[in-house]
Structures are given as C-alpha cells and as structure tokens.
Protein backbone atom coordinates (compact mmCIF):
# COMPACT_ATOMS: atom_id res chain seq x y z
CA UNK A 1 -23.45 -0.89 -38.76
CA UNK A 2 -24.73 2.17 -36.90
CA UNK A 3 -24.62 2.80 -33.18
CA UNK A 4 -28.28 1.92 -32.72
CA UNK A 5 -27.83 -1.34 -34.61
CA UNK A 6 -24.83 -2.24 -32.48
CA UNK A 7 -26.85 -1.60 -29.33
CA UNK A 8 -29.67 -3.79 -30.62
CA UNK A 9 -27.25 -6.57 -31.38
CA UNK A 10 -25.66 -6.35 -27.94
CA UNK A 11 -28.85 -6.11 -25.89
CA UNK A 12 -31.31 -8.02 -28.04
CA UNK A 13 -34.65 -6.97 -29.47
CA UNK A 14 -36.27 -6.61 -26.06
CA UNK A 15 -33.96 -3.76 -25.14
CA UNK A 16 -33.58 -2.51 -28.69
CA UNK A 17 -33.15 1.22 -28.84
CA UNK A 18 -33.06 1.58 -25.06
CA UNK A 19 -29.74 0.09 -23.93
CA UNK A 20 -26.31 1.67 -23.83
CA UNK A 21 -23.11 1.00 -21.88
CA UNK A 22 -22.61 3.04 -18.74
CA UNK A 23 -19.41 4.50 -17.33
CA UNK A 24 -18.29 2.82 -14.09
CA UNK A 25 -16.51 5.86 -12.71
CA UNK A 26 -17.11 9.44 -11.69
CA UNK A 27 -17.78 11.63 -14.73
CA UNK A 28 -14.84 14.01 -15.25
CA UNK A 29 -16.99 17.07 -14.68
CA UNK A 30 -16.29 20.25 -12.77
CA UNK A 31 -12.50 20.16 -13.06
CA UNK A 32 -10.66 23.05 -11.44
CA UNK A 33 -7.02 24.03 -12.05
CA UNK A 34 -4.68 24.00 -9.06
CA UNK A 35 -1.50 25.96 -8.44
CA UNK A 36 0.54 22.81 -9.12
CA UNK A 37 -0.82 22.69 -12.66
CA UNK A 38 -3.03 19.59 -12.36
CA UNK A 39 -6.80 19.59 -12.72
CA UNK A 40 -8.76 18.67 -9.61
CA UNK A 41 -12.20 17.08 -9.93
CA UNK A 42 -14.21 14.45 -8.11
CA UNK A 43 -12.57 11.74 -10.21
CA UNK A 44 -8.97 12.94 -9.81
CA UNK A 45 -9.35 13.84 -6.13
CA UNK A 46 -10.58 10.35 -5.26
CA UNK A 47 -7.35 9.04 -6.78
CA UNK A 48 -5.50 10.59 -3.83
CA UNK A 49 -5.39 7.90 -1.14
CA UNK A 50 -5.98 10.33 1.73
CA UNK A 51 -9.04 11.87 0.08
CA UNK A 52 -10.41 8.44 -0.75
CA UNK A 53 -9.85 7.17 2.80
CA UNK A 54 -11.46 10.23 4.43
CA UNK A 55 -14.50 10.31 2.14
CA UNK A 56 -14.95 6.55 2.30
CA UNK A 57 -14.69 6.48 6.09
CA UNK A 58 -17.15 9.28 6.80
CA UNK A 59 -19.62 8.13 4.15
CA UNK A 60 -19.65 4.56 5.47
CA UNK A 61 -19.98 5.66 9.09
CA UNK A 62 -23.03 7.79 8.33
CA UNK A 63 -24.52 5.05 6.13
CA UNK A 64 -24.19 2.56 8.98
CA UNK A 65 -26.48 4.63 11.22
CA UNK A 66 -30.04 3.49 10.54
CA UNK A 67 -32.64 6.28 10.38
CA UNK A 68 -35.91 6.00 12.31
CA UNK A 69 -39.00 8.12 12.94
CA UNK A 70 -40.36 8.83 16.42
CA UNK A 71 -43.42 10.57 17.79
CA UNK A 72 -43.04 12.29 21.21
CA UNK A 73 -45.52 11.21 23.89
CA UNK A 74 -47.14 13.25 26.66
CA UNK A 75 -45.11 11.49 29.39
CA UNK A 76 -41.79 12.64 27.88
CA UNK A 77 -41.09 9.41 25.99
CA UNK A 78 -41.49 8.65 22.32
CA UNK A 79 -43.03 5.95 20.16
CA UNK A 80 -41.63 4.45 16.97
CA UNK A 81 -43.44 5.50 13.77
CA UNK A 82 -43.72 2.66 11.25
CA UNK A 83 -46.61 3.68 8.96
CA UNK A 84 -45.23 6.86 7.41
CA UNK A 85 -44.27 6.90 3.68
CA UNK A 86 -40.77 8.16 4.55
CA UNK A 87 -40.12 4.96 6.53
CA UNK A 88 -40.27 2.98 3.29
CA UNK A 89 -37.57 5.20 1.79
CA UNK A 90 -35.25 4.24 4.64
CA UNK A 91 -35.38 0.65 3.37
CA UNK A 92 -35.61 1.16 -0.40
CA UNK A 93 -34.84 4.74 -1.38
CA UNK A 94 -35.19 3.94 -5.07
CA UNK A 95 -35.51 1.05 -7.48
CA UNK A 96 -31.75 0.42 -7.65
CA UNK A 97 -30.13 1.15 -4.29
CA UNK A 98 -30.26 0.10 -0.69
CA UNK A 99 -30.25 2.84 1.95
CA UNK A 100 -26.56 2.16 2.62
CA UNK A 101 -25.68 2.61 -1.05
CA UNK A 102 -27.84 5.70 -1.36
CA UNK A 103 -26.31 7.33 1.69
CA UNK A 104 -22.78 6.45 0.55
CA UNK A 105 -23.38 8.28 -2.73
CA UNK A 106 -25.05 11.27 -1.10
CA UNK A 107 -22.35 11.62 1.56
CA UNK A 108 -19.61 11.34 -1.05
CA UNK A 109 -21.18 14.22 -2.97
CA UNK A 110 -21.59 16.30 0.19
CA UNK A 111 -18.00 15.73 1.29
CA UNK A 112 -16.44 16.50 -2.08
CA UNK A 113 -18.80 19.17 -3.39
CA UNK A 114 -20.45 20.22 -0.09
CA UNK A 115 -23.81 19.69 -1.81
CA UNK A 116 -25.84 16.49 -2.14
CA UNK A 117 -28.94 16.39 -4.33
CA UNK A 118 -31.71 13.81 -4.70
CA UNK A 119 -34.88 14.30 -6.74
CA UNK A 120 -38.02 13.32 -4.82
CA UNK A 121 -40.42 11.29 -6.94
CA UNK A 122 -44.00 11.26 -5.64
CA UNK A 123 -47.16 9.27 -6.30
CA UNK A 124 -50.52 10.74 -7.25
CA UNK A 125 -51.23 11.55 -3.60
CA UNK A 126 -48.03 13.51 -3.21
CA UNK A 127 -46.32 10.93 -1.00
CA UNK A 128 -42.61 10.34 -1.66
CA UNK A 129 -41.86 6.99 -3.28
CA UNK A 130 -38.27 7.35 -4.57
CA UNK A 131 -35.12 9.40 -4.03
CA UNK A 132 -32.93 9.68 -7.15
CA UNK A 133 -29.41 10.94 -6.29
CA UNK A 134 -27.87 13.40 -8.74
CA UNK A 135 -24.20 14.21 -9.22
CA UNK A 136 -23.74 17.80 -7.94
CA UNK A 137 -21.66 18.65 -11.03
CA UNK A 138 -24.85 18.14 -13.06
CA UNK A 139 -26.95 20.62 -11.07
CA UNK A 140 -27.32 24.36 -11.60
CA UNK A 141 -29.35 26.42 -9.12
CA UNK A 142 -31.78 28.92 -10.61
CA UNK A 143 -33.41 31.83 -8.77
CA UNK A 144 -36.66 33.42 -9.82
CA UNK A 145 -37.63 37.05 -9.28
CA UNK A 146 -40.17 36.04 -6.63
CA UNK A 147 -37.53 34.22 -4.55
CA UNK A 148 -38.28 30.67 -5.63
CA UNK A 149 -35.41 28.25 -6.22
CA UNK A 150 -35.21 25.66 -8.98
CA UNK A 151 -32.64 22.97 -9.77
CA UNK A 152 -31.69 22.58 -13.41
CA UNK A 153 -30.53 18.96 -13.77
CA UNK A 154 -28.43 17.64 -16.60
CA UNK A 155 -29.46 13.98 -17.00
CA UNK A 156 -26.50 11.63 -17.31
CA UNK A 157 -27.27 8.29 -18.95
CA UNK A 158 -30.43 6.62 -20.10
CA UNK A 159 -31.40 5.52 -16.59
CA UNK A 160 -31.69 9.08 -15.28
CA UNK A 161 -33.46 10.13 -18.45
CA UNK A 162 -36.01 7.38 -17.86
CA UNK A 163 -36.68 7.84 -14.14
CA UNK A 164 -36.77 11.65 -14.42
CA UNK A 165 -38.81 11.85 -17.60
CA UNK A 166 -41.82 13.09 -15.62
CA UNK A 167 -39.81 15.93 -14.08
CA UNK A 168 -39.24 19.33 -15.69
CA UNK A 169 -35.76 20.48 -16.66
CA UNK A 170 -35.87 22.94 -13.76
CA UNK A 171 -37.14 20.93 -10.79
CA UNK A 172 -38.77 23.02 -8.01
CA UNK A 173 -37.06 23.02 -4.62
CA UNK A 174 -39.91 21.16 -2.87
CA UNK A 175 -39.09 18.11 -5.02
CA UNK A 176 -35.35 18.09 -4.29
CA UNK A 177 -33.61 16.85 -1.16
CA UNK A 178 -30.63 19.20 -0.89
CA UNK A 179 -28.10 18.72 1.91
CA UNK A 180 -25.29 21.26 2.02
CA UNK A 181 -22.36 22.31 4.16
CA UNK A 182 -21.38 25.85 5.07
CA UNK A 183 -22.88 28.36 2.66
CA UNK A 184 -22.32 32.03 1.94
CA UNK A 185 -25.57 32.63 0.06
CA UNK A 186 -28.19 30.35 1.70
CA UNK A 187 -28.54 28.39 -1.53
CA UNK A 188 -25.43 26.22 -1.99
CA UNK A 189 -22.50 25.02 0.08
CA UNK A 190 -18.93 26.07 -0.58
CA UNK A 191 -17.32 23.12 -2.39
CA UNK A 192 -14.61 21.39 -0.39
CA UNK A 193 -12.78 20.55 -3.60
CA UNK A 194 -12.66 24.23 -4.45
CA UNK A 195 -11.17 25.12 -1.08
CA UNK A 196 -8.73 22.20 -1.04
CA UNK A 197 -7.78 22.13 -4.71
CA UNK A 198 -4.20 23.32 -4.13
CA UNK A 199 -3.64 20.88 -1.25
CA UNK A 200 -5.10 17.98 -3.22
CA UNK A 201 -3.31 19.09 -6.38
CA UNK A 202 0.01 19.11 -4.53
CA UNK A 203 -0.63 15.56 -3.29
CA UNK A 204 -1.44 14.49 -6.85
CA UNK A 205 1.78 16.09 -8.11
CA UNK A 206 3.87 14.37 -5.45
CA UNK A 207 2.25 11.05 -6.26
CA UNK A 208 3.00 11.46 -9.96
CA UNK A 209 6.58 12.50 -9.19
CA UNK A 210 7.12 9.44 -7.00
CA UNK A 211 5.63 7.20 -9.68
CA UNK A 212 7.87 8.65 -12.37
CA UNK A 213 10.85 8.32 -10.06
CA UNK A 214 10.16 4.60 -9.74
CA UNK A 215 9.40 4.14 -13.41
CA UNK A 216 12.08 6.25 -15.05
CA UNK A 217 14.78 6.76 -12.41
CA UNK A 218 14.36 10.53 -12.64
CA UNK A 219 16.85 10.98 -9.84
CA UNK A 220 19.85 8.80 -10.81
CA UNK A 221 21.89 7.12 -8.13
CA UNK A 222 25.08 7.56 -10.19
CA UNK A 223 26.65 8.49 -13.53
CA UNK A 224 28.68 6.74 -16.21
CA UNK A 225 32.18 8.20 -16.72
CA UNK A 226 34.93 7.64 -19.31
CA UNK A 227 38.20 9.34 -20.20
CA UNK A 228 37.47 8.95 -23.89
CA UNK A 229 35.63 11.45 -25.99
CA UNK A 230 32.25 10.15 -27.09
CA UNK A 231 30.47 11.09 -30.26
CA UNK A 232 26.83 12.05 -30.17
CA UNK A 233 25.91 8.72 -31.69
CA UNK A 234 27.92 6.79 -29.11
CA UNK A 235 26.49 8.78 -26.22
CA UNK A 236 22.95 8.23 -27.47
CA UNK A 237 23.57 4.52 -27.93
CA UNK A 238 25.05 4.17 -24.42
CA UNK A 239 22.17 6.12 -22.90
CA UNK A 240 19.58 3.97 -24.63
CA UNK A 241 21.41 0.80 -23.64
CA UNK A 242 21.72 1.92 -20.02
CA UNK A 243 18.11 3.03 -19.74
CA UNK A 244 16.96 -0.29 -21.12
CA UNK A 245 19.11 -2.10 -18.58
CA UNK A 246 18.38 -0.28 -15.31
CA UNK A 247 15.40 2.07 -15.73
CA UNK A 248 12.02 1.01 -14.41
CA UNK A 249 10.92 -1.06 -11.47
CA UNK A 250 11.08 -4.23 -13.55
CA UNK A 251 14.88 -3.84 -13.94
CA UNK A 252 15.75 -3.42 -10.26
CA UNK A 253 18.65 -5.72 -9.33
CA UNK A 254 19.82 -6.48 -12.87
CA UNK A 255 23.55 -6.62 -13.57
CA UNK A 256 25.01 -4.03 -15.94
CA UNK A 257 28.08 -4.86 -18.03
CA UNK A 258 30.26 -1.82 -18.84
CA UNK A 259 32.54 -1.59 -21.87
CA UNK A 260 35.24 0.55 -23.43
CA UNK A 261 36.58 2.06 -20.19
CA UNK A 262 33.21 3.14 -18.74
CA UNK A 263 33.10 3.55 -14.96
CA UNK A 264 30.18 3.83 -12.57
CA UNK A 265 30.32 6.79 -10.17
CA UNK A 266 27.78 6.66 -7.36
CA UNK A 267 26.07 9.93 -6.36
CA UNK A 268 24.93 10.97 -2.89
CA UNK A 269 21.29 11.86 -2.37
CA UNK A 270 20.60 15.55 -1.83
CA UNK A 271 18.78 16.89 1.22
CA UNK A 272 15.82 17.80 -0.96
CA UNK A 273 15.54 14.18 -2.06
CA UNK A 274 15.61 12.98 1.52
CA UNK A 275 12.86 15.45 2.47
CA UNK A 276 10.59 14.35 -0.36
CA UNK A 277 8.99 11.54 1.62
CA UNK A 278 8.53 13.82 4.62
CA UNK A 279 6.71 16.30 2.39
CA UNK A 280 4.38 13.55 1.18
CA UNK A 281 3.67 12.58 4.79
CA UNK A 282 2.81 16.18 5.66
CA UNK A 283 0.40 16.32 2.75
CA UNK A 284 -1.54 13.40 4.17
CA UNK A 285 -2.36 15.36 7.30
CA UNK A 286 -3.10 18.52 5.31
CA UNK A 287 -5.66 16.71 3.14
CA UNK A 288 -7.23 14.99 6.15
CA UNK A 289 -7.85 18.34 7.85
CA UNK A 290 -10.14 19.44 5.05
CA UNK A 291 -12.38 16.43 5.78
CA UNK A 292 -12.08 16.62 9.58
CA UNK A 293 -10.86 13.04 9.91
CA UNK A 294 -8.09 12.23 12.44
CA UNK A 295 -5.15 10.27 11.12
CA UNK A 296 -5.95 7.36 13.41
CA UNK A 297 -9.22 6.87 11.50
CA UNK A 298 -7.39 6.50 8.18
CA UNK A 299 -6.03 3.05 7.23
CA UNK A 300 -2.28 3.18 7.70
CA UNK A 301 -2.50 6.43 9.69
CA UNK A 302 -1.25 7.08 13.18
CA UNK A 303 -2.48 8.35 16.51
CA UNK A 304 -2.39 12.13 16.72
CA UNK A 305 -1.50 12.10 20.42
CA UNK A 306 -0.29 8.58 21.22
CA UNK A 307 0.85 9.44 24.74
CA UNK A 308 -2.25 11.31 25.84
CA UNK A 309 -5.28 9.58 24.32
CA UNK A 310 -6.39 5.96 23.95
CA UNK A 311 -7.85 4.46 20.76
CA UNK A 312 -11.30 4.28 22.37
CA UNK A 313 -11.13 7.96 23.32
CA UNK A 314 -9.96 8.85 19.82
CA UNK A 315 -12.89 6.92 18.33
CA UNK A 316 -15.33 8.64 20.69
CA UNK A 317 -13.89 12.04 19.82
CA UNK A 318 -14.20 11.32 16.10
CA UNK A 319 -17.85 10.29 16.47
CA UNK A 320 -18.72 13.32 18.62
CA UNK A 321 -16.81 15.87 16.55
CA UNK A 322 -17.25 14.59 12.99
CA UNK A 323 -20.04 12.04 12.62
CA UNK A 324 -22.64 13.50 14.99
CA UNK A 325 -22.82 16.86 13.14
CA UNK A 326 -23.36 14.89 9.91
CA UNK A 327 -26.22 12.98 11.52
CA UNK A 328 -27.76 16.14 12.97
CA UNK A 329 -27.65 17.75 9.53
CA UNK A 330 -29.38 14.79 7.89
CA UNK A 331 -32.02 14.53 10.63
CA UNK A 332 -33.00 18.18 10.34
CA UNK A 333 -32.92 18.21 6.53
CA UNK A 334 -35.07 15.07 6.17
CA UNK A 335 -37.57 16.43 8.70
CA UNK A 336 -37.81 19.70 6.79
CA UNK A 337 -37.87 18.22 3.27
CA UNK A 338 -40.84 15.96 4.07
CA UNK A 339 -42.59 18.32 6.55
CA UNK A 340 -42.14 15.85 9.38
CA UNK A 341 -41.52 18.66 11.84
CA UNK A 342 -44.99 20.03 11.09
CA UNK A 343 -46.47 16.69 12.18
CA UNK A 344 -44.33 16.65 15.33
CA UNK A 345 -42.33 13.67 14.06
CA UNK A 346 -38.63 13.41 14.87
CA UNK A 347 -35.92 11.82 12.70
CA UNK A 348 -33.25 9.90 14.58
CA UNK A 349 -30.15 8.17 13.21
CA UNK A 350 -29.01 5.35 15.48
CA UNK A 351 -25.29 5.91 16.08
CA UNK A 352 -24.85 3.17 18.70
CA UNK A 353 -23.17 0.92 16.11
CA UNK A 354 -20.27 3.41 15.95
CA UNK A 355 -19.74 3.30 19.71
CA UNK A 356 -19.97 -0.45 20.16
CA UNK A 357 -17.25 -1.41 22.63
CA UNK A 358 -15.73 -4.83 23.32
CA UNK A 359 -17.95 -7.47 24.92
CA UNK A 360 -16.59 -6.94 28.46
CA UNK A 361 -17.20 -3.20 28.36
CA UNK A 362 -20.67 -3.70 26.87
CA UNK A 363 -21.74 -6.21 29.51
CA UNK A 364 -20.45 -4.00 32.30
CA UNK A 365 -22.43 -1.05 30.96
CA UNK A 366 -25.56 -3.21 30.73
CA UNK A 367 -25.07 -4.31 34.33
CA UNK A 368 -24.79 -0.73 35.52
CA UNK A 369 -27.80 0.30 33.43
CA UNK A 370 -30.00 -2.49 34.84
CA UNK A 371 -28.89 -2.00 38.45
CA UNK A 372 -29.53 1.75 38.31
CA UNK A 373 -33.03 1.32 36.81
CA UNK A 374 -32.02 2.94 33.50
CA UNK A 375 -32.44 -0.22 31.38
CA UNK A 376 -34.71 -3.20 31.70
CA UNK A 377 -33.16 -6.65 31.25
CA UNK A 378 -34.96 -7.04 27.94
CA UNK A 379 -33.63 -3.71 26.64
CA UNK A 380 -30.12 -4.87 27.43
CA UNK A 381 -30.77 -8.20 25.71
CA UNK A 382 -32.22 -6.45 22.66
CA UNK A 383 -28.98 -4.45 22.31
CA UNK A 384 -27.16 -7.77 21.89
CA UNK A 385 -29.74 -9.18 19.50
CA UNK A 386 -31.12 -11.63 22.08
CA UNK A 387 -34.75 -12.65 22.50
CA UNK A 388 -36.68 -11.11 25.42
CA UNK A 389 -37.16 -13.13 28.57
CA UNK A 390 -40.31 -13.47 30.65
CA UNK A 391 -40.58 -10.73 33.25
CA UNK A 392 -37.69 -8.78 31.76
CA UNK A 393 -39.67 -5.65 30.90
CA UNK A 394 -39.68 -4.27 34.47
CA UNK A 395 -37.13 -1.84 35.83
CA UNK A 396 -35.17 -3.38 38.69
CA UNK A 397 -33.45 -1.80 41.68
CA UNK A 398 -31.20 -3.22 44.41
CA UNK A 399 -33.08 -4.05 47.62
CA UNK A 400 -30.78 -1.81 49.65
CA UNK A 401 -31.91 1.29 47.73
CA UNK A 402 -35.03 3.19 48.75
CA UNK A 403 -36.27 6.75 49.06
CA UNK A 404 -35.05 8.71 52.11
CA UNK A 405 -37.25 8.14 55.16
CA UNK A 406 -38.86 5.01 53.71
CA UNK A 407 -38.29 1.30 53.83
CA UNK A 408 -38.06 -0.97 50.80
CA UNK A 409 -41.86 -0.95 50.38
CA UNK A 410 -42.06 2.81 50.12
CA UNK A 411 -44.13 3.25 53.31
CA UNK A 412 -42.97 5.23 56.35
CA UNK A 413 -41.16 3.11 58.96
CA UNK A 414 -42.27 2.90 62.61
CA UNK A 415 -41.96 6.22 64.41
CA UNK A 416 -41.11 8.09 61.23
CA UNK A 417 -41.32 11.83 61.57
CA UNK A 418 -41.93 13.92 64.70
CA UNK A 419 -45.24 13.28 66.53
CA UNK A 420 -47.48 16.18 67.37
CA UNK A 421 -47.37 17.59 70.89
CA UNK A 422 -49.25 15.42 73.37
CA UNK A 423 -49.28 12.26 71.18
CA UNK A 424 -47.35 9.03 71.12
CA UNK A 425 -46.59 6.85 68.09
CA UNK A 426 -48.65 3.67 67.69
CA UNK A 427 -47.62 0.39 66.13
CA UNK A 428 -49.15 1.54 62.83
CA UNK A 429 -46.55 3.40 60.68
CA UNK A 430 -47.22 7.13 60.66
CA UNK A 431 -50.19 6.95 63.11
CA UNK A 432 -50.30 8.57 66.57
CA UNK A 433 -52.60 8.39 69.62
CA UNK A 434 -53.18 10.94 72.38
CA UNK A 435 -51.45 10.61 75.73
CA UNK A 436 -53.44 9.19 78.63
CA UNK A 437 -55.57 11.92 80.19
CA UNK A 438 -54.82 14.33 77.34
CA UNK A 439 -57.92 15.68 75.63
CA UNK A 440 -55.86 17.23 72.85
CA UNK A 441 -57.16 20.70 73.77
C-alpha cells in the first residue's frame, strides 16, 4: 500500500489525496550551534523552562490586550470605529485561529526570532480578509534592484499550501505583516536566539547534566572497596550488579547486599558539585534578561528587590517597561500595514486588563475618578461589566467645588469685583448703580 492509499484509508474518500498528518511541535528549523556543543533552535530553546516561561508570559500578556480602532474628533476626543475591514480581523484573523491564538503565535515568533510574519489575504476589492502566520524560519527576504522587498515563503504542510495557493512564491511586502525588533539593516530584526544561543545552550547543557546525574549517578556518593584482587570479569560483574541495584531514580532507597569482603566507602561532595545548583540558578536570570522579564513574573521566580518594591509596583514596572513597548510596536505596525494612519485612524490595544487591581483599590479609584469629574458613574460601572444606570452619563462634582469668584451656579456672587468709581453695588449680582447726585461725568 502506497502513502497516498494509506492517506485515503485514514481520511476517507472525501479527503482522499488531500489529507496528511501534521506535526504538533515546532519544526526543527534554523538550528544554531552554541559554545556548549548543543544546537539551539526554536524547538530546543522552548525546552528550557526559563525561555518557555518568558516567551509564554509576554505572548499571553500582549494577546490579552484587545485591539481597537479610533477616529480622533475635533473636540480632542475620539470615536470608536466599528465598520472598518481590519476590525473583523481583530475577532477572526483567519479561518483557524482566534485573535488570542494568532497573537500568541506571532509574539512567540517575534520573541524568539525577533521577526513575526503573517501573509495578508485580500478580497477582490483589496480589503484584508485573513492573516496567515508564517514561521520565521520559513521566510527569506529578497531585495530587488529597485529597492522593493519580497518575502520568499517555504510552505509547511498542506494547510499552508492550500491557503497560500493564490500567492506567489515571493510575496510582495505590501501583502505581508512584518513585525520586527531591533534591526541593523532596516529589513529584519536581529534574532534573539542568535544573540542568546550560548546562554540558552549552557542552560540546556546544565539541564541534561542534572538529568543524567539523576538517571545514571554520574557523581557517585561512594566507592566499593576490597582487599582482594579482582579479575576483570569479577570487576565487570560487580559493576553491572551495583549499577542495576542503585543507579537511576527508580532505585533510590533500595538496600544493597555486599559480598566477599566488599566495603562501602562514602565520598564527600566537592565544592564544584555544591556550586552546580547555584550555577543553574544564575542561568535562569541570565536567560530572563534576554527577554526582559523580571524573575517575579516567572512562575517559581523571586522578587528582584524584595525589600524595596512591592508586588504591585513590580507588576506596574513590568507592564510599563516590557509590555507597553510591545503594544506600541504592534499599534504602529498595524496602522502602517493597512494604511490606517493615512485615514487618520488610530490603533489602540487596551492594556487595562494587565493593571487590574484588587476590588478595594479599583472601587477607590472609581470613587476618586467620579468625584473629580474624570469619570461618569456609567463609565465606572462599564469598567466592572455592570449595566448603565439612568442619569449616569453626566460628570459629577462635589457641591463645595466651584470656580474662583463664583458660587455653585457659576454666576458672580453679590458684590463680586470692584465697582467703578462713583457707583454702588445693587442687589443684582455684578450690577451697579450711580451714587445719589452723581451724574457719572
């Protein structure tokens, strides 16, 4: 039975000739050798817990921020845009993913490879209808003599072959959403994996060493001694018997029975062995620095300055320093890729979900916002997902606050200001009348 026949049997006649199993992992592309001797790629790097935690945290935080379109108004405000084709992409970027899933994949590519690519599929009017994310290891940038840029895309799997069948092998830049980090040539970002390959490779080596230590007892806690001379066969037999008895995590705690005058001599751990765990701990912080994620944001991490900063301040610092630049980058790139800036339309990612405090702090901030005429009651209720109340769309102010020189109604009080020479104030606010016998001349 051939491969095609096997596929037909597995997927039925309806999908005959068009179905094939997919790989549920990162393709092992773009591997780079590190100084430690291990190959570093997207797949191997994500096996390092620190790299996984940093990439996962930043990608999820950006994906949580919902994008919106706004149009500035003449009075300095802005109105929400709901009828633009890009708005539909924020809900369903393509036929397979939600926006959260799409952004997770794009951010993962940007963090690891410093470049995120998505092919823009358009309808017959030129409006965008789908964004197809592409693994950056499958993209090669091409430059033409007239300065144009094209993206040569290697299709991975039948799905990409199908959805991109209407696209040329070299896709023009206007049909590719390309988000990149720091670049040295204007065209592509410098891959984080390339810069951090030795740091990540060292963490991978330490992880493998620790695993082999647990599995094979590479650093023995003692030796077997005897006064008798052992033949090679006897030594090999004893070694095999001992390894089968005590080596491996599954044999921890088993009782060994010694024979023929054998004695167990316990060994002391060397200083280098004691420092091994400290070295692994240092590598966690070294990897985290490449992704600009504080240790307190990593599961199982720690506060960087426990005596000087609170968890809320650390969270605020992380959002301001790490997440906000990501959001600014996406806002500007989306506006440019779809020419929204030419139509005076702004892209805004709502980051309030990342700064959501406990209920007491939130309610106190709402109270201050309403009392200082910054928020209306209904705006505060909307932030908590509550229905608006009647009359709650007006800005309120305490009755003991008014403009200088005015009462609560905004009109000048009795006798306000200095009357002109030869006049006396009347009972009407701000009005004066001439003195008796004064002609005003």
